[in-house]
Each structure stands twice: as C-alpha cells, then as structure tokens.
Protein backbone atom coordinates (compact mmCIF):
# COMPACT_ATOMS: atom_id res chain seq x y z
CA MET A 1 -156.88 107.73 63.79
CA LEU A 2 -157.91 108.52 67.37
CA SER A 3 -157.17 104.99 68.56
CA SER A 4 -153.70 105.17 67.01
CA LEU A 5 -153.00 108.47 68.75
CA ILE A 6 -154.22 107.13 72.11
CA VAL A 7 -152.12 103.96 71.83
CA SER A 8 -149.13 106.04 70.72
CA ALA A 9 -149.51 108.43 73.65
CA ALA A 10 -149.71 105.48 76.04
CA MET A 11 -146.58 103.90 74.56
CA ILE A 12 -144.66 107.17 74.64
CA THR A 13 -145.64 107.65 78.28
CA LEU A 14 -144.69 104.06 79.15
CA THR A 15 -141.31 104.24 77.41
CA VAL A 16 -140.47 107.61 78.97
CA VAL A 17 -141.23 106.20 82.43
CA ILE A 18 -139.20 103.06 81.66
CA HIS A 19 -136.36 105.24 80.42
CA MET A 20 -136.38 107.42 83.54
CA VAL A 21 -136.50 104.42 85.87
CA GLY A 22 -133.80 102.71 83.80
CA LEU A 23 -131.49 105.73 83.97
CA LEU A 24 -132.05 106.07 87.72
CA GLY A 25 -131.27 102.38 88.15
CA LEU A 26 -128.20 102.67 85.95
CA MET A 27 -126.98 105.68 87.96
CA ALA A 28 -127.45 103.76 91.22
CA PHE A 29 -125.62 100.75 89.76
CA LEU A 30 -122.72 102.92 88.56
CA GLN A 31 -122.48 104.75 91.88
CA ALA A 32 -122.39 101.44 93.74
CA ARG A 33 -119.61 100.14 91.44
CA SER A 34 -117.51 103.31 91.29
CA PRO A 35 -115.50 102.61 94.47
CA ARG A 36 -114.50 99.21 93.05
CA LEU A 37 -113.86 100.36 89.46
CA ARG A 38 -112.30 103.68 90.53
CA PRO A 39 -112.89 105.26 87.11
CA PHE A 40 -110.81 108.35 87.88
CA HIS A 41 -107.68 106.39 88.88
CA SER A 42 -107.02 104.44 85.69
CA ARG A 43 -107.87 104.30 82.02
CA LEU A 44 -109.01 100.70 82.49
CA GLY A 45 -111.42 101.79 85.22
CA GLN A 46 -112.73 104.55 82.95
CA ALA A 47 -113.20 102.10 80.09
CA GLY A 48 -115.06 99.69 82.36
CA PHE A 49 -117.31 102.46 83.62
CA ILE A 50 -118.12 103.64 80.10
CA ILE A 51 -118.74 100.08 78.86
CA LEU A 52 -121.14 99.43 81.75
CA THR A 53 -122.94 102.68 80.91
CA VAL A 54 -123.27 101.81 77.22
CA LEU A 55 -124.48 98.26 77.97
CA GLY A 56 -127.02 99.64 80.42
CA LEU A 57 -128.32 102.06 77.79
CA VAL A 58 -128.51 99.25 75.21
CA ALA A 59 -130.57 97.19 77.66
CA ILE A 60 -132.98 100.07 78.33
CA HIS A 61 -133.46 100.80 74.62
CA GLY A 62 -133.75 97.09 73.88
CA LEU A 63 -136.64 96.77 76.33
CA GLU A 64 -138.37 99.77 74.77
CA MET A 65 -138.02 98.38 71.23
CA TRP A 66 -139.24 94.93 72.30
CA LEU A 67 -142.32 96.53 73.88
CA TYR A 68 -143.19 98.24 70.61
CA ALA A 69 -142.65 94.94 68.76
CA ALA A 70 -144.94 93.12 71.19
CA LEU A 71 -147.56 95.82 70.72
CA TYR A 72 -147.41 95.40 66.92
CA LEU A 73 -148.05 91.69 67.38
CA VAL A 74 -150.96 92.25 69.77
CA LEU A 75 -152.52 94.76 67.36
CA GLY A 76 -152.08 92.35 64.43
CA VAL A 77 -149.87 94.78 62.51
CA PHE A 78 -147.30 92.02 61.87
CA ASN A 79 -147.68 88.25 61.84
CA ASP A 80 -144.49 87.22 63.61
CA MET A 81 -142.08 88.60 66.18
CA GLU A 82 -139.11 88.79 63.81
CA GLU A 83 -140.96 91.19 61.48
CA ALA A 84 -142.37 93.21 64.37
CA LEU A 85 -138.98 93.49 66.07
CA TYR A 86 -137.17 94.32 62.83
CA PHE A 87 -139.69 97.07 62.09
CA SER A 88 -139.51 98.38 65.65
CA ILE A 89 -135.70 98.51 65.71
CA SER A 90 -135.44 100.23 62.34
CA THR A 91 -138.20 102.67 63.28
CA PHE A 92 -137.09 103.40 66.86
CA THR A 93 -133.53 104.11 65.72
CA THR A 94 -134.90 106.22 62.83
CA VAL A 95 -133.03 104.09 60.28
CA GLY A 96 -136.32 103.26 58.54
CA PHE A 97 -135.10 100.81 55.88
CA GLY A 98 -138.56 100.76 54.32
CA GLU A 99 -139.04 97.15 53.21
CA LEU A 100 -141.60 96.74 56.01
CA VAL A 101 -144.25 99.41 56.33
CA ILE A 102 -147.43 99.81 58.31
CA GLU A 103 -150.50 100.53 56.28
CA GLY A 104 -153.86 101.61 57.50
CA ARG A 105 -154.90 102.72 60.93
CA TRP A 106 -151.63 101.99 62.82
CA ARG A 107 -149.16 103.84 60.62
CA ILE A 108 -149.25 106.90 62.92
CA LEU A 109 -148.09 104.57 65.71
CA GLY A 110 -145.01 103.71 63.63
CA ALA A 111 -144.26 107.36 62.92
CA LEU A 112 -144.61 108.29 66.58
CA GLU A 113 -142.36 105.37 67.59
CA SER A 114 -139.69 106.98 65.46
CA PHE A 115 -140.21 110.33 67.16
CA ASN A 116 -140.16 108.62 70.57
CA GLY A 117 -136.97 106.70 69.76
CA PHE A 118 -135.27 109.86 68.53
CA LEU A 119 -136.03 111.64 71.82
CA LEU A 120 -135.02 108.70 74.01
CA ILE A 121 -131.76 108.13 72.13
CA GLY A 122 -131.02 111.85 72.50
CA TRP A 123 -131.72 111.61 76.23
CA SER A 124 -129.35 108.64 76.46
CA THR A 125 -126.69 110.56 74.58
CA ALA A 126 -126.97 113.42 77.06
CA PHE A 127 -126.71 110.91 79.91
CA MET A 128 -123.59 109.36 78.37
CA VAL A 129 -121.95 112.77 77.90
CA SER A 130 -122.79 113.58 81.53
CA VAL A 131 -121.18 110.34 82.76
CA ILE A 132 -118.01 110.95 80.76
CA SER A 133 -117.86 114.58 81.91
CA ARG A 134 -118.24 113.44 85.51
CA ILE A 135 -115.39 110.95 85.10
CA ARG A 136 -113.17 113.66 83.64
CA THR A 137 -114.04 116.07 86.46
CA MET A 138 -113.27 113.45 89.11
CA GLU A 139 -110.01 112.63 87.32
CA MET A 140 -108.95 116.28 87.30
CA ASP A 141 -109.86 116.72 90.98
CA TRP A 142 -107.87 113.61 91.86
CA LEU A 143 -104.85 114.81 89.85
CA ASP A 144 -105.03 118.26 91.47
CA ARG A 145 -105.04 116.67 94.94
CA LEU A 146 -102.00 114.59 93.99
CA ARG A 147 -100.12 117.63 92.67
CA ASN A 148 -100.94 119.74 95.71
CA SER A 149 -100.21 117.09 98.34
CA PRO A 150 -97.34 117.99 100.71
CA ASP A 151 -94.98 115.09 99.92
C-alpha cells in the first residue's frame, strides 16, 4: 500500500505541475494572439478565442491521462496501451465505466487518479470561466468607450 501511495503522490505532484505550466503557457499563447483575434470586437473573434482555450485544455488533460496510462504499462497493471489509456481516460474523467479494474496493490493509484482528474478538470473549468469573463469585461469596456466617444 505504501508504494501505491508514494507513486500516487508523485503522479499527483507531476500532473499538478504540468497543469500549472500548461495553463501559464496557454495564457501566454492567448495573450500573444489576442491582438490578432481581437476577441472583444467580434463574435467570431470570441469564438476563436474560446475554441483555442478549449483545445489547449484538452491537450493539457490529454498529456496527463497519457502519463497515467504509460505508468500503468510500466507497472504492469495493463498489458497494452489501449487498455491502459482507456482505463486512464475513464478514471481521470471520473466516468469509471467499470469493465476494466485494477486489482491488488495498484488499485489505490487508480482511485487517486480519479481524485486528481476531478481536481484538475475543476481547475480547468475555473480557468475557462475566467477567460470568458475576461472577454466579456473587455467587450463591455470597449462598448463603453464607443458609446462615450465624442463623435
């Protein structure tokens, strides 16, 4: 049980760091693209900005799930990548279909992956809400400047 807890703690730490770095990179990418997309000037720009944000979050979560799948292979929990990845995706997203289960010493790792995924998906949701709120705030500021301009 101790080895499962140690490996789980290491994976949680690794994925949290990856998530933080990924979100910082995504923010930098979005800030660099915002003058070109101008998300507060048009609905199309807003849609593009939101799509880029969602795709960035999917990439970050994808990397995290693939890391868990690779770990399951290295530990010998599953025999092939398809099973390991399927288990990881259904566990990380807390869907937990149940046709694949971990028995024995690594089952705590699977349970903690679910906890980890739940937290990281929640963090991504908060990030997404923040991005959309920021777009709306910029849009309102822009509209106020237009209304108050001395034309």
